[in-house]
Amino acid sequence: MGRKIFVNLPTQNLEQSIKFFTHLGFAFNPQFTDETATCMVVSDDIFVMLLTNEKFKTFTPNPICDATKSTEVLVCLSCDSCEEVDALVHKAIDAGGATYNDPQDYGFMYAHGFQDLDGHIWELMYMDPGAVPE
């Protein structure tokens, strides 16, 4: 059986985070959603658990980082095209997110990203499949 990844992120306002990521086109698993947490489905094997700060604190002895002032993680998602990268960044901005840099075009790879409502950084990248050696 292949591994699955569950990224856990704290959020100041779970309801607003759900609206933000719904605007970007993500779905949520209602089986793992309540007033303290939700499971955002990124793919068949990748999930993001958005947790209220109170719920997140039950999983760690350390204080929660303010992602608007410090970076605790960079989440990078692959996209199927440069256009998809740009479209997701534009949707994130429309939903209240922000960008923190300009798009990066390396010829074989294109990247851009956004910060969500809590300041978490989401890198989006497209890599030309022909540039990846087999």
Protein backbone atom coordinates (compact mmCIF):
# COMPACT_ATOMS: atom_id res chain seq x y z
CA MET A 1 0.00 0.00 0.00
CA GLY A 2 1.31 3.43 -0.93
CA ARG A 3 1.77 6.11 1.67
CA LYS A 4 -0.58 9.00 2.11
CA ILE A 5 0.37 12.41 3.48
CA PHE A 6 -1.68 14.44 5.93
CA VAL A 7 -0.39 17.98 6.38
CA ASN A 8 -1.78 19.57 9.55
CA LEU A 9 -2.14 23.36 9.61
CA PRO A 10 -3.56 25.57 12.36
CA THR A 11 -6.10 28.20 11.39
CA GLN A 12 -7.48 31.25 13.18
CA ASN A 13 -10.91 30.86 11.56
CA LEU A 14 -11.85 27.42 10.27
CA GLU A 15 -15.00 28.58 8.49
CA GLN A 16 -13.13 31.30 6.57
CA SER A 17 -10.35 28.84 5.66
CA ILE A 18 -12.90 26.39 4.27
CA LYS A 19 -14.44 29.19 2.16
CA PHE A 20 -10.96 30.26 0.96
CA PHE A 21 -9.89 26.79 -0.18
CA THR A 22 -13.33 26.01 -1.63
CA HIS A 23 -12.88 29.12 -3.81
CA LEU A 24 -9.61 27.56 -5.05
CA GLY A 25 -11.52 24.41 -6.05
CA PHE A 26 -10.64 22.02 -3.22
CA ALA A 27 -13.16 19.62 -1.68
CA PHE A 28 -13.49 18.48 1.92
CA ASN A 29 -14.18 15.07 3.42
CA PRO A 30 -17.24 15.48 5.66
CA GLN A 31 -16.35 12.29 7.52
CA PHE A 32 -13.38 14.14 9.07
CA THR A 33 -14.98 17.55 9.49
CA ASP A 34 -16.48 19.10 12.59
CA GLU A 35 -16.36 22.49 14.33
CA THR A 36 -12.65 22.02 15.19
CA ALA A 37 -11.20 20.50 12.03
CA THR A 38 -11.70 19.63 8.38
CA CYS A 39 -9.95 17.35 5.92
CA MET A 40 -9.17 19.10 2.63
CA VAL A 41 -8.69 16.65 -0.23
CA VAL A 42 -5.77 17.60 -2.49
CA SER A 43 -5.51 14.25 -4.28
CA ASP A 44 -6.11 10.55 -3.65
CA ASP A 45 -3.02 10.46 -1.43
CA ILE A 46 -2.63 14.04 -0.15
CA PHE A 47 -4.80 15.67 2.48
CA VAL A 48 -4.57 18.88 4.51
CA MET A 49 -6.08 18.88 7.97
CA LEU A 50 -7.12 22.44 8.78
CA LEU A 51 -7.41 22.65 12.55
CA THR A 52 -8.56 25.38 14.88
CA ASN A 53 -5.68 26.66 16.98
CA GLU A 54 -7.22 25.02 20.05
CA LYS A 55 -7.39 21.63 18.31
CA PHE A 56 -3.89 22.01 16.82
CA LYS A 57 -2.46 22.70 20.30
CA THR A 58 -3.57 19.21 21.43
CA PHE A 59 -1.06 17.67 18.99
CA THR A 60 2.08 19.60 19.93
CA PRO A 61 3.85 20.73 23.10
CA ASN A 62 5.25 23.76 21.21
CA PRO A 63 3.59 27.13 20.68
CA ILE A 64 1.87 27.73 17.35
CA CYS A 65 3.91 29.82 14.95
CA ASP A 66 2.31 32.99 13.60
CA ALA A 67 2.76 32.22 9.90
CA THR A 68 2.30 35.89 9.04
CA LYS A 69 5.56 36.62 10.91
CA SER A 70 7.54 33.36 10.66
CA THR A 71 7.60 30.46 8.24
CA GLU A 72 7.04 27.02 9.69
CA VAL A 73 6.45 25.13 6.44
CA LEU A 74 6.31 25.57 2.67
CA VAL A 75 3.63 23.47 1.02
CA CYS A 76 4.42 22.86 -2.65
CA LEU A 77 1.82 21.46 -5.03
CA SER A 78 2.43 20.40 -8.61
CA CYS A 79 0.15 21.69 -11.37
CA ASP A 80 -0.55 20.44 -14.88
CA SER A 81 0.41 23.69 -16.63
CA CYS A 82 1.75 27.22 -16.16
CA GLU A 83 -1.80 28.43 -16.73
CA GLU A 84 -3.07 26.32 -13.83
CA VAL A 85 -0.37 27.83 -11.57
CA ASP A 86 -1.47 31.34 -12.52
CA ALA A 87 -5.18 30.52 -12.21
CA LEU A 88 -4.79 29.15 -8.67
CA VAL A 89 -2.73 32.16 -7.58
CA HIS A 90 -5.41 34.50 -8.99
CA LYS A 91 -8.16 32.53 -7.22
CA ALA A 92 -6.21 32.74 -3.95
CA ILE A 93 -5.89 36.52 -4.30
CA ASP A 94 -9.60 36.83 -5.16
CA ALA A 95 -10.44 34.85 -2.01
CA GLY A 96 -8.38 37.12 0.26
CA GLY A 97 -4.94 35.54 0.04
CA ALA A 98 -1.76 37.35 -1.00
CA THR A 99 1.32 36.79 -3.10
CA TYR A 100 4.80 37.27 -1.71
CA ASN A 101 6.91 37.16 -4.88
CA ASP A 102 6.73 37.31 -8.65
CA PRO A 103 6.31 34.21 -10.83
CA GLN A 104 9.56 32.34 -11.44
CA ASP A 105 10.15 30.95 -14.94
CA TYR A 106 13.17 28.64 -15.16
CA GLY A 107 12.39 27.38 -18.67
CA PHE A 108 11.82 23.77 -17.60
CA MET A 109 9.88 24.79 -14.48
CA TYR A 110 7.40 27.55 -13.69
CA ALA A 111 6.49 28.50 -10.13
CA HIS A 112 4.43 31.02 -8.23
CA GLY A 113 2.67 30.92 -4.91
CA PHE A 114 0.38 32.52 -2.41
CA GLN A 115 -0.18 32.93 1.29
CA ASP A 116 -3.50 31.71 2.65
CA LEU A 117 -5.60 33.61 5.19
CA ASP A 118 -3.36 32.42 8.03
CA GLY A 119 -0.11 33.28 6.22
CA HIS A 120 0.83 29.70 5.28
CA ILE A 121 2.86 29.63 2.08
CA TRP A 122 1.60 27.50 -0.80
CA GLU A 123 4.09 27.10 -3.66
CA LEU A 124 2.61 26.02 -6.99
CA MET A 125 4.82 24.66 -9.72
CA TYR A 126 4.65 23.17 -13.17
CA MET A 127 7.57 21.15 -14.47
CA ASP A 128 7.84 20.26 -18.16
CA PRO A 129 7.64 16.43 -18.23
CA GLY A 130 10.16 16.38 -21.08
CA ALA A 131 12.73 18.02 -18.80
CA VAL A 132 12.60 15.18 -16.27
CA PRO A 133 15.04 12.36 -17.10
CA GLU A 134 13.54 8.88 -17.09
